Amino acid sequence: MLRYQADRRTLGFVIAYFLLVAALWVWDPGHWYITVPAVMIVASLSWMCAVITHNTIHCAIFESRALNKAFQVVLTLTYGHPVSSYVSGHNLSHHMYTQQDRDVMRTTKVAYRWNFLNLMMFVPKVGGAVTKGDFAFAKLMRQQRPRWFKQFAIEGIVLLLLTVGLFILDWRKALVYWYLPHVWAAWGIIAINFLQHDGCDESSPYNHSRNFVGRVFGWFTFNNGFHGIHHMHPNMHWSLLRDAHERELKPHLHPALDQPSIFVYAWKTFIWPGKRITYDGKPYTPPPPVPDQSWFPEAKP
């Protein structure tokens, strides 16, 4: 049923998320020193499932169309947002117009002197535009592609009904074990865009994205760190990205855009020395902000 056997890992992570949430709901440890680490693990799994959502939208994992649709509903429950909505802000805006004024997630929207603040404020700054674009796109698709809209609606309704049901059963458990991990997943999947693109050269055929090539990080995030080759081949399966990166991109890439550790990079970039620089080490000041431009004719900016 799987198009690539590597997606057994994908299914394993999704199952692990639901098992852990169910175990915490039933067990409900109560002690903060158990609850806090447990919720952190759930939030991490939810973010990894958001990465799976990203991968699935680009490259479906099942041979069966029906199974892929059902899996999108399942993923919606792990990530906290309708999976179909990923198409508008990510595939059609970010991929088509990377770092341009039609990219609703361009990093130039934040320009604070303290780079840590740029990271913290990036998601609030772009979140409204992403949501607005999602609704505008859904409204358009309701007329032009009713089958897509039906799938989007099913995902949203199932998520809403289950979320409301869980809050009715026990609002505290629902808040801690269900809602907060979803908030982290949504924040994380948008925030990583800042690490992957800020200070890069969107006009370059190779230096448009920053890559995080550590093998442990790559294993847990389904090679999400190989972002440059993903932009070059958006529909390539995640299991093929490392080899394609080494073969097609690395020989032409500026060395600084191959980062061995996302954690070391984040420390240097946002904590110490915490300077906002271009990929080749120069001080970086983003251009003056401009309004979002429509990336499809029927949607207003």
C-alpha atoms as a PDB file:
ATOM      1  CA  MET A   1       0.000   0.000   0.000  1.00  0.00           C
ATOM      2  CA  LEU A   2       2.955   2.343   0.595  1.00  0.00           C
ATOM      3  CA  ARG A   3       4.639   3.987  -2.372  1.00  0.00           C
ATOM      4  CA  TYR A   4       7.943   4.046  -0.456  1.00  0.00           C
ATOM      5  CA  GLN A   5       8.776   1.554   2.277  1.00  0.00           C
ATOM      6  CA  ALA A   6      10.569   4.345   4.182  1.00  0.00           C
ATOM      7  CA  ASP A   7       7.118   5.600   5.151  1.00  0.00           C
ATOM      8  CA  ARG A   8       6.804   2.789   7.650  1.00  0.00           C
ATOM      9  CA  ARG A   9       8.717   5.232   9.838  1.00  0.00           C
ATOM     10  CA  THR A  10       6.115   7.885   9.001  1.00  0.00           C
ATOM     11  CA  LEU A  11       3.290   5.635  10.174  1.00  0.00           C
ATOM     12  CA  GLY A  12       5.268   4.684  13.270  1.00  0.00           C
ATOM     13  CA  PHE A  13       5.573   8.309  14.374  1.00  0.00           C
ATOM     14  CA  VAL A  14       1.875   8.979  13.792  1.00  0.00           C
ATOM     15  CA  ILE A  15       0.889   5.900  15.795  1.00  0.00           C
ATOM     16  CA  ALA A  16       3.327   6.872  18.566  1.00  0.00           C
ATOM     17  CA  TYR A  17       1.684  10.305  18.815  1.00  0.00           C
ATOM     18  CA  PHE A  18      -1.815   8.879  19.318  1.00  0.00           C
ATOM     19  CA  LEU A  19      -0.629   6.190  21.744  1.00  0.00           C
ATOM     20  CA  LEU A  20       1.163   8.726  23.929  1.00  0.00           C
ATOM     21  CA  VAL A  21      -1.766  11.161  23.962  1.00  0.00           C
ATOM     22  CA  ALA A  22      -4.150   8.315  24.859  1.00  0.00           C
ATOM     23  CA  ALA A  23      -1.810   7.031  27.593  1.00  0.00           C
ATOM     24  CA  LEU A  24      -1.487  10.467  29.165  1.00  0.00           C
ATOM     25  CA  TRP A  25      -5.236  11.024  28.993  1.00  0.00           C
ATOM     26  CA  VAL A  26      -5.952   7.747  30.807  1.00  0.00           C
ATOM     27  CA  TRP A  27      -3.013   7.879  33.219  1.00  0.00           C
ATOM     28  CA  ASP A  28      -2.958  11.655  33.849  1.00  0.00           C
ATOM     29  CA  PRO A  29       0.154  11.632  36.070  1.00  0.00           C
ATOM     30  CA  GLY A  30      -0.687  14.875  37.838  1.00  0.00           C
ATOM     31  CA  HIS A  31       2.869  15.546  39.039  1.00  0.00           C
ATOM     32  CA  TRP A  32       4.454  18.411  37.107  1.00  0.00           C
ATOM     33  CA  TYR A  33       7.855  16.740  36.901  1.00  0.00           C
ATOM     34  CA  ILE A  34       6.235  13.924  34.905  1.00  0.00           C
ATOM     35  CA  THR A  35       3.618  15.941  33.051  1.00  0.00           C
ATOM     36  CA  VAL A  36       5.985  18.614  31.722  1.00  0.00           C
ATOM     37  CA  PRO A  37       8.481  16.243  30.055  1.00  0.00           C
ATOM     38  CA  ALA A  38       5.612  14.089  28.765  1.00  0.00           C
ATOM     39  CA  VAL A  39       3.881  17.070  27.179  1.00  0.00           C
ATOM     40  CA  MET A  40       7.179  18.186  25.671  1.00  0.00           C
ATOM     41  CA  ILE A  41       7.474  14.769  24.008  1.00  0.00           C
ATOM     42  CA  VAL A  42       3.881  14.975  22.746  1.00  0.00           C
ATOM     43  CA  ALA A  43       4.548  18.480  21.394  1.00  0.00           C
ATOM     44  CA  SER A  44       7.678  17.239  19.640  1.00  0.00           C
ATOM     45  CA  LEU A  45       5.751  14.358  18.103  1.00  0.00           C
ATOM     46  CA  SER A  46       3.019  16.773  17.035  1.00  0.00           C
ATOM     47  CA  TRP A  47       5.637  18.942  15.323  1.00  0.00           C
ATOM     48  CA  MET A  48       7.130  15.882  13.627  1.00  0.00           C
ATOM     49  CA  CYS A  49       3.631  15.045  12.419  1.00  0.00           C
ATOM     50  CA  ALA A  50       3.429  18.600  11.053  1.00  0.00           C
ATOM     51  CA  VAL A  51       6.587  17.756   9.090  1.00  0.00           C
ATOM     52  CA  ILE A  52       4.830  14.597   7.904  1.00  0.00           C
ATOM     53  CA  THR A  53       1.913  16.801   6.847  1.00  0.00           C
ATOM     54  CA  HIS A  54       4.331  18.890   4.797  1.00  0.00           C
ATOM     55  CA  ASN A  55       5.781  15.766   3.194  1.00  0.00           C
ATOM     56  CA  THR A  56       2.379  14.248   2.485  1.00  0.00           C
ATOM     57  CA  ILE A  57       1.054  17.350   0.760  1.00  0.00           C
ATOM     58  CA  HIS A  58       4.042  17.241  -1.580  1.00  0.00           C
ATOM     59  CA  CYS A  59       4.236  13.473  -2.031  1.00  0.00           C
ATOM     60  CA  ALA A  60       1.356  11.207  -0.991  1.00  0.00           C
ATOM     61  CA  ILE A  61       2.460   8.071   0.852  1.00  0.00           C
ATOM     62  CA  PHE A  62      -0.176   5.555  -0.246  1.00  0.00           C
ATOM     63  CA  GLU A  63      -0.935   4.120  -3.672  1.00  0.00           C
ATOM     64  CA  SER A  64      -4.644   4.416  -2.911  1.00  0.00           C
ATOM     65  CA  ARG A  65      -6.305   7.816  -3.318  1.00  0.00           C
ATOM     66  CA  ALA A  66      -8.882   6.911  -0.666  1.00  0.00           C
ATOM     67  CA  LEU A  67      -6.194   5.967   1.841  1.00  0.00           C
ATOM     68  CA  ASN A  68      -4.367   9.237   1.201  1.00  0.00           C
ATOM     69  CA  LYS A  69      -7.554  11.196   1.880  1.00  0.00           C
ATOM     70  CA  ALA A  70      -8.187   9.249   5.077  1.00  0.00           C
ATOM     71  CA  PHE A  71      -4.572   9.750   6.163  1.00  0.00           C
ATOM     72  CA  GLN A  72      -4.966  13.507   5.731  1.00  0.00           C
ATOM     73  CA  VAL A  73      -7.835  13.414   8.228  1.00  0.00           C
ATOM     74  CA  VAL A  74      -5.665  11.436  10.643  1.00  0.00           C
ATOM     75  CA  LEU A  75      -2.777  13.878  10.228  1.00  0.00           C
ATOM     76  CA  THR A  76      -5.121  16.796  10.824  1.00  0.00           C
ATOM     77  CA  LEU A  77      -5.701  15.428  14.328  1.00  0.00           C
ATOM     78  CA  THR A  78      -1.966  15.229  15.055  1.00  0.00           C
ATOM     79  CA  TYR A  79      -1.116  18.684  13.760  1.00  0.00           C
ATOM     80  CA  GLY A  80      -4.222  20.616  14.797  1.00  0.00           C
ATOM     81  CA  HIS A  81      -5.015  22.139  11.388  1.00  0.00           C
ATOM     82  CA  PRO A  82      -6.737  20.840   8.240  1.00  0.00           C
ATOM     83  CA  VAL A  83      -3.965  19.269   6.190  1.00  0.00           C
ATOM     84  CA  SER A  84      -5.450  20.546   2.933  1.00  0.00           C
ATOM     85  CA  SER A  85      -4.932  24.137   4.060  1.00  0.00           C
ATOM     86  CA  TYR A  86      -1.187  23.570   3.793  1.00  0.00           C
ATOM     87  CA  VAL A  87      -1.502  23.852   0.011  1.00  0.00           C
ATOM     88  CA  SER A  88      -2.243  27.564  -0.147  1.00  0.00           C
ATOM     89  CA  GLY A  89       0.328  29.235   2.081  1.00  0.00           C
ATOM     90  CA  HIS A  90       3.110  26.721   1.517  1.00  0.00           C
ATOM     91  CA  ASN A  91       2.876  25.108  -1.912  1.00  0.00           C
ATOM     92  CA  LEU A  92       1.324  27.960  -3.876  1.00  0.00           C
ATOM     93  CA  SER A  93       2.741  30.980  -2.076  1.00  0.00           C
ATOM     94  CA  HIS A  94       6.042  30.034  -0.414  1.00  0.00           C
ATOM     95  CA  HIS A  95       7.306  27.599  -3.034  1.00  0.00           C
ATOM     96  CA  MET A  96       6.216  29.615  -6.033  1.00  0.00           C
ATOM     97  CA  TYR A  97       7.452  33.004  -4.756  1.00  0.00           C
ATOM     98  CA  THR A  98      10.146  32.258  -2.159  1.00  0.00           C
ATOM     99  CA  GLN A  99      11.053  35.390  -0.163  1.00  0.00           C
ATOM    100  CA  GLN A 100       9.201  37.651  -2.633  1.00  0.00           C
ATOM    101  CA  ASP A 101       6.268  39.906  -1.786  1.00  0.00           C
ATOM    102  CA  ARG A 102       3.881  37.085  -2.804  1.00  0.00           C
ATOM    103  CA  ASP A 103       5.419  34.741  -0.251  1.00  0.00           C
ATOM    104  CA  VAL A 104       3.236  35.154   2.835  1.00  0.00           C
ATOM    105  CA  MET A 105       5.981  33.537   4.944  1.00  0.00           C
ATOM    106  CA  ARG A 106       8.930  35.645   3.807  1.00  0.00           C
ATOM    107  CA  THR A 107      11.388  36.351   6.599  1.00  0.00           C
ATOM    108  CA  THR A 108      11.734  40.031   5.703  1.00  0.00           C
ATOM    109  CA  LYS A 109       8.473  40.719   7.548  1.00  0.00           C
ATOM    110  CA  VAL A 110      10.417  41.009  10.804  1.00  0.00           C
ATOM    111  CA  ALA A 111      13.236  43.531  11.256  1.00  0.00           C
ATOM    112  CA  TYR A 112      14.024  43.860  14.976  1.00  0.00           C
ATOM    113  CA  ARG A 113      17.558  44.699  16.063  1.00  0.00           C
ATOM    114  CA  TRP A 114      17.585  41.727  18.442  1.00  0.00           C
ATOM    115  CA  ASN A 115      17.606  38.643  16.235  1.00  0.00           C
ATOM    116  CA  PHE A 116      16.039  36.443  18.910  1.00  0.00           C
ATOM    117  CA  LEU A 117      13.014  38.743  18.769  1.00  0.00           C
ATOM    118  CA  ASN A 118      12.849  38.233  15.005  1.00  0.00           C
ATOM    119  CA  LEU A 119      12.484  34.496  15.588  1.00  0.00           C
ATOM    120  CA  MET A 120       9.900  34.929  18.330  1.00  0.00           C
ATOM    121  CA  MET A 121       7.797  37.429  16.390  1.00  0.00           C
ATOM    122  CA  PHE A 122       8.035  35.754  12.995  1.00  0.00           C
ATOM    123  CA  VAL A 123       5.053  33.439  13.512  1.00  0.00           C
ATOM    124  CA  PRO A 124       2.717  36.143  14.928  1.00  0.00           C
ATOM    125  CA  LYS A 125       3.770  38.411  12.074  1.00  0.00           C
ATOM    126  CA  VAL A 126       3.016  35.954   9.266  1.00  0.00           C
ATOM    127  CA  GLY A 127       0.233  33.975  10.950  1.00  0.00           C
ATOM    128  CA  GLY A 128      -2.533  36.394  10.054  1.00  0.00           C
ATOM    129  CA  ALA A 129      -1.535  36.491   6.394  1.00  0.00           C
ATOM    130  CA  VAL A 130      -1.345  32.698   6.245  1.00  0.00           C
ATOM    131  CA  THR A 131      -4.810  32.320   7.796  1.00  0.00           C
ATOM    132  CA  LYS A 132      -6.287  34.998   5.546  1.00  0.00           C
ATOM    133  CA  GLY A 133      -4.827  33.301   2.486  1.00  0.00           C
ATOM    134  CA  ASP A 134      -6.141  29.914   3.600  1.00  0.00           C
ATOM    135  CA  PHE A 135      -9.708  31.227   3.879  1.00  0.00           C
ATOM    136  CA  ALA A 136      -9.495  33.069   0.566  1.00  0.00           C
ATOM    137  CA  PHE A 137      -8.149  29.972  -1.158  1.00  0.00           C
ATOM    138  CA  ALA A 138     -10.834  27.745   0.391  1.00  0.00           C
ATOM    139  CA  LYS A 139     -13.531  30.155  -0.773  1.00  0.00           C
ATOM    140  CA  LEU A 140     -12.139  30.034  -4.309  1.00  0.00           C
ATOM    141  CA  MET A 141     -11.802  26.242  -4.297  1.00  0.00           C
ATOM    142  CA  ARG A 142     -15.400  25.835  -3.149  1.00  0.00           C
ATOM    143  CA  GLN A 143     -16.386  27.124  -6.577  1.00  0.00           C
ATOM    144  CA  GLN A 144     -13.569  25.791  -8.740  1.00  0.00           C
ATOM    145  CA  ARG A 145     -12.620  22.485  -7.092  1.00  0.00           C
ATOM    146  CA  PRO A 146     -15.486  21.251  -4.906  1.00  0.00           C
ATOM    147  CA  ARG A 147     -13.785  17.870  -4.289  1.00  0.00           C
ATOM    148  CA  TRP A 148     -10.794  19.635  -2.732  1.00  0.00           C
ATOM    149  CA  PHE A 149     -13.108  21.797  -0.657  1.00  0.00           C
ATOM    150  CA  LYS A 150     -15.043  18.728   0.522  1.00  0.00           C
ATOM    151  CA  GLN A 151     -11.805  17.129   1.760  1.00  0.00           C
ATOM    152  CA  PHE A 152     -10.812  20.387   3.477  1.00  0.00           C
ATOM    153  CA  ALA A 153     -14.226  20.603   5.140  1.00  0.00           C
ATOM    154  CA  ILE A 154     -14.127  16.986   6.339  1.00  0.00           C
ATOM    155  CA  GLU A 155     -10.717  17.532   7.921  1.00  0.00           C
ATOM    156  CA  GLY A 156     -11.860  20.710   9.651  1.00  0.00           C
ATOM    157  CA  ILE A 157     -15.147  19.257  10.909  1.00  0.00           C
ATOM    158  CA  VAL A 158     -13.547  16.094  12.310  1.00  0.00           C
ATOM    159  CA  LEU A 159     -10.902  18.180  14.089  1.00  0.00           C
ATOM    160  CA  LEU A 160     -13.488  20.571  15.509  1.00  0.00           C
ATOM    161  CA  LEU A 161     -15.829  17.834  16.724  1.00  0.00           C
ATOM    162  CA  LEU A 162     -13.069  15.842  18.415  1.00  0.00           C
ATOM    163  CA  THR A 163     -11.533  18.945  19.995  1.00  0.00           C
ATOM    164  CA  VAL A 164     -14.874  20.131  21.361  1.00  0.00           C
ATOM    165  CA  GLY A 165     -15.635  16.619  22.601  1.00  0.00           C
ATOM    166  CA  LEU A 166     -12.330  16.372  24.445  1.00  0.00           C
ATOM    167  CA  PHE A 167     -12.805  19.766  26.092  1.00  0.00           C
ATOM    168  CA  ILE A 168     -16.273  18.698  27.220  1.00  0.00           C
ATOM    169  CA  LEU A 169     -14.895  15.461  28.681  1.00  0.00           C
ATOM    170  CA  ASP A 170     -12.072  17.204  30.558  1.00  0.00           C
ATOM    171  CA  TRP A 171     -11.016  20.712  29.612  1.00  0.00           C
ATOM    172  CA  ARG A 172      -7.762  20.537  31.574  1.00  0.00           C
ATOM    173  CA  LYS A 173      -6.564  17.355  29.916  1.00  0.00           C
ATOM    174  CA  ALA A 174      -7.679  18.640  26.525  1.00  0.00           C
ATOM    175  CA  LEU A 175      -5.764  21.877  27.020  1.00  0.00           C
ATOM    176  CA  VAL A 176      -2.543  20.246  28.212  1.00  0.00           C
ATOM    177  CA  TYR A 177      -2.391  17.020  26.204  1.00  0.00           C
ATOM    178  CA  TRP A 178      -4.227  18.065  23.032  1.00  0.00           C
ATOM    179  CA  TYR A 179      -4.308  21.799  22.376  1.00  0.00           C
ATOM    180  CA  LEU A 180      -0.905  23.021  23.617  1.00  0.00           C
ATOM    181  CA  PRO A 181       1.079  20.452  21.570  1.00  0.00           C
ATOM    182  CA  HIS A 182      -0.869  21.569  18.489  1.00  0.00           C
ATOM    183  CA  VAL A 183       0.070  25.186  19.171  1.00  0.00           C
ATOM    184  CA  TRP A 184       3.728  24.187  19.390  1.00  0.00           C
ATOM    185  CA  ALA A 185       3.495  22.176  16.161  1.00  0.00           C
ATOM    186  CA  ALA A 186       1.950  25.089  14.260  1.00  0.00           C
ATOM    187  CA  TRP A 187       4.494  27.544  15.674  1.00  0.00           C
ATOM    188  CA  GLY A 188       7.414  25.247  14.925  1.00  0.00           C
ATOM    189  CA  ILE A 189       6.506  24.351  11.354  1.00  0.00           C
ATOM    190  CA  ILE A 190       6.240  28.041  10.463  1.00  0.00           C
ATOM    191  CA  ALA A 191       9.208  29.228  12.550  1.00  0.00           C
ATOM    192  CA  ILE A 192      11.634  26.796  10.929  1.00  0.00           C
ATOM    193  CA  ASN A 193      11.057  28.698   7.702  1.00  0.00           C
ATOM    194  CA  PHE A 194      12.974  31.594   9.288  1.00  0.00           C
ATOM    195  CA  LEU A 195      15.998  29.370   9.921  1.00  0.00           C
ATOM    196  CA  GLN A 196      15.858  27.898   6.434  1.00  0.00           C
ATOM    197  CA  HIS A 197      15.632  31.126   4.443  1.00  0.00           C
ATOM    198  CA  ASP A 198      16.673  34.217   6.378  1.00  0.00           C
ATOM    199  CA  GLY A 199      19.742  35.850   4.876  1.00  0.00           C
ATOM    200  CA  CYS A 200      19.817  33.531   1.878  1.00  0.00           C
ATOM    201  CA  ASP A 201      19.792  34.595  -1.776  1.00  0.00           C
ATOM    202  CA  GLU A 202      16.400  33.863  -3.267  1.00  0.00           C
ATOM    203  CA  SER A 203      17.647  34.868  -6.729  1.00  0.00           C
ATOM    204  CA  SER A 204      20.361  32.198  -6.710  1.00  0.00           C
ATOM    205  CA  PRO A 205      19.633  28.782  -8.261  1.00  0.00           C
ATOM    206  CA  TYR A 206      21.498  27.141  -5.345  1.00  0.00           C
ATOM    207  CA  ASN A 207      21.941  29.521  -2.374  1.00  0.00           C
ATOM    208  CA  HIS A 208      18.247  30.161  -1.734  1.00  0.00           C
ATOM    209  CA  SER A 209      17.899  27.868   1.292  1.00  0.00           C
ATOM    210  CA  ARG A 210      19.834  26.818   4.393  1.00  0.00           C
ATOM    211  CA  ASN A 211      20.231  23.093   5.025  1.00  0.00           C
ATOM    212  CA  PHE A 212      20.596  21.200   8.297  1.00  0.00           C
ATOM    213  CA  VAL A 213      22.295  17.965   7.399  1.00  0.00           C
ATOM    214  CA  GLY A 214      22.868  16.182  10.728  1.00  0.00           C
ATOM    215  CA  ARG A 215      21.885  12.531  10.514  1.00  0.00           C
ATOM    216  CA  VAL A 216      20.090  12.325  13.877  1.00  0.00           C
ATOM    217  CA  PHE A 217      18.033  15.430  13.121  1.00  0.00           C
ATOM    218  CA  GLY A 218      17.388  14.068   9.635  1.00  0.00           C
ATOM    219  CA  TRP A 219      16.164  10.722  10.974  1.00  0.00           C
ATOM    220  CA  PHE A 220      13.648  12.265  13.366  1.00  0.00           C
ATOM    221  CA  THR A 221      12.450  14.925  10.900  1.00  0.00           C
ATOM    222  CA  PHE A 222      12.306  12.841   7.721  1.00  0.00           C
ATOM    223  CA  ASN A 223      15.175  14.761   6.096  1.00  0.00           C
ATOM    224  CA  ASN A 224      13.358  18.060   6.553  1.00  0.00           C
ATOM    225  CA  GLY A 225      16.736  19.781   6.883  1.00  0.00           C
ATOM    226  CA  PHE A 226      17.501  19.260   3.194  1.00  0.00           C
ATOM    227  CA  HIS A 227      15.466  22.276   2.251  1.00  0.00           C
ATOM    228  CA  GLY A 228      17.351  23.483  -0.809  1.00  0.00           C
ATOM    229  CA  ILE A 229      16.915  20.284  -2.794  1.00  0.00           C
ATOM    230  CA  HIS A 230      13.289  20.182  -1.644  1.00  0.00           C
ATOM    231  CA  HIS A 231      12.715  23.574  -3.266  1.00  0.00           C
ATOM    232  CA  MET A 232      14.367  22.306  -6.422  1.00  0.00           C
ATOM    233  CA  HIS A 233      12.280  19.095  -6.452  1.00  0.00           C
ATOM    234  CA  PRO A 234       9.185  19.739  -4.288  1.00  0.00           C
ATOM    235  CA  ASN A 235       7.527  16.416  -5.107  1.00  0.00           C
ATOM    236  CA  MET A 236      10.590  14.267  -4.402  1.00  0.00           C
ATOM    237  CA  HIS A 237      10.029  11.769  -1.596  1.00  0.00           C
ATOM    238  CA  TRP A 238      11.792  12.699   1.632  1.00  0.00           C
ATOM    239  CA  SER A 239      13.823   9.478   1.698  1.00  0.00           C
ATOM    240  CA  LEU A 240      15.598  10.522  -1.511  1.00  0.00           C
ATOM    241  CA  LEU A 241      16.570  14.040  -0.453  1.00  0.00           C
ATOM    242  CA  ARG A 242      19.966  13.352   1.154  1.00  0.00           C
ATOM    243  CA  ASP A 243      21.377  11.601  -1.897  1.00  0.00           C
ATOM    244  CA  ALA A 244      19.921  14.209  -4.248  1.00  0.00           C
ATOM    245  CA  HIS A 245      21.380  16.994  -2.096  1.00  0.00           C
ATOM    246  CA  GLU A 246      24.853  15.466  -2.239  1.00  0.00           C
ATOM    247  CA  ARG A 247      24.610  14.861  -5.966  1.00  0.00           C
ATOM    248  CA  GLU A 248      22.865  17.951  -7.342  1.00  0.00           C
ATOM    249  CA  LEU A 249      23.135  20.792  -4.839  1.00  0.00           C
ATOM    250  CA  LYS A 250      26.192  20.477  -2.602  1.00  0.00           C
ATOM    251  CA  PRO A 251      28.806  20.884  -5.413  1.00  0.00           C
ATOM    252  CA  HIS A 252      27.353  24.345  -6.181  1.00  0.00           C
ATOM    253  CA  LEU A 253      26.314  25.410  -2.669  1.00  0.00           C
ATOM    254  CA  HIS A 254      28.035  27.981  -0.463  1.00  0.00           C
ATOM    255  CA  PRO A 255      29.579  25.941   2.417  1.00  0.00           C
ATOM    256  CA  ALA A 256      27.835  28.011   5.102  1.00  0.00           C
ATOM    257  CA  LEU A 257      24.452  26.821   3.829  1.00  0.00           C
ATOM    258  CA  ASP A 258      25.241  23.257   4.871  1.00  0.00           C
ATOM    259  CA  GLN A 259      24.860  23.388   8.652  1.00  0.00           C
ATOM    260  CA  PRO A 260      25.745  20.201  10.550  1.00  0.00           C
ATOM    261  CA  SER A 261      23.518  21.042  13.541  1.00  0.00           C
ATOM    262  CA  ILE A 262      20.313  23.078  13.675  1.00  0.00           C
ATOM    263  CA  PHE A 263      20.782  23.530  17.429  1.00  0.00           C
ATOM    264  CA  VAL A 264      24.295  24.950  17.159  1.00  0.00           C
ATOM    265  CA  TYR A 265      23.159  27.204  14.326  1.00  0.00           C
ATOM    266  CA  ALA A 266      20.174  28.447  16.364  1.00  0.00           C
ATOM    267  CA  TRP A 267      22.413  29.168  19.375  1.00  0.00           C
ATOM    268  CA  LYS A 268      24.882  31.196  17.296  1.00  0.00           C
ATOM    269  CA  THR A 269      22.158  32.996  15.351  1.00  0.00           C
ATOM    270  CA  PHE A 270      19.731  33.886  18.122  1.00  0.00           C
ATOM    271  CA  ILE A 271      21.652  33.651  21.416  1.00  0.00           C
ATOM    272  CA  TRP A 272      25.405  34.194  21.045  1.00  0.00           C
ATOM    273  CA  PRO A 273      26.611  36.195  19.224  1.00  0.00           C
ATOM    274  CA  GLY A 274      23.009  36.484  18.004  1.00  0.00           C
ATOM    275  CA  LYS A 275      23.716  38.600  14.923  1.00  0.00           C
ATOM    276  CA  ARG A 276      21.536  38.609  11.842  1.00  0.00           C
ATOM    277  CA  ILE A 277      23.833  37.921   8.907  1.00  0.00           C
ATOM    278  CA  THR A 278      23.625  36.782   5.307  1.00  0.00           C
ATOM    279  CA  TYR A 279      24.554  33.250   4.344  1.00  0.00           C
ATOM    280  CA  ASP A 280      28.092  34.424   3.485  1.00  0.00           C
ATOM    281  CA  GLY A 281      28.640  36.175   6.825  1.00  0.00           C
ATOM    282  CA  LYS A 282      27.783  39.812   6.066  1.00  0.00           C
ATOM    283  CA  PRO A 283      25.527  41.945   8.326  1.00  0.00           C
ATOM    284  CA  TYR A 284      21.968  41.586   7.094  1.00  0.00           C
ATOM    285  CA  THR A 285      19.316  44.259   7.158  1.00  0.00           C
ATOM    286  CA  PRO A 286      16.116  43.219   5.396  1.00  0.00           C
ATOM    287  CA  PRO A 287      14.548  45.560   2.846  1.00  0.00           C
ATOM    288  CA  PRO A 288      11.722  47.869   3.961  1.00  0.00           C
ATOM    289  CA  PRO A 289       8.483  45.940   4.496  1.00  0.00           C
ATOM    290  CA  VAL A 290       5.939  45.889   1.691  1.00  0.00           C
ATOM    291  CA  PRO A 291       2.301  44.738   1.693  1.00  0.00           C
ATOM    292  CA  ASP A 292       1.553  41.165   0.707  1.00  0.00           C
ATOM    293  CA  GLN A 293       0.742  40.805  -2.957  1.00  0.00           C
ATOM    294  CA  SER A 294      -1.904  38.373  -4.153  1.00  0.00           C
ATOM    295  CA  TRP A 295      -0.483  35.081  -5.378  1.00  0.00           C
ATOM    296  CA  PHE A 296      -3.734  34.125  -7.114  1.00  0.00           C
ATOM    297  CA  PRO A 297      -5.963  36.589  -8.997  1.00  0.00           C
ATOM    298  CA  GLU A 298      -9.201  36.063  -7.126  1.00  0.00           C
ATOM    299  CA  ALA A 299      -7.711  36.642  -3.655  1.00  0.00           C
ATOM    300  CA  LYS A 300      -7.239  40.157  -2.375  1.00  0.00           C
ATOM    301  CA  PRO A 301      -3.828  41.018  -0.815  1.00  0.00           C
END
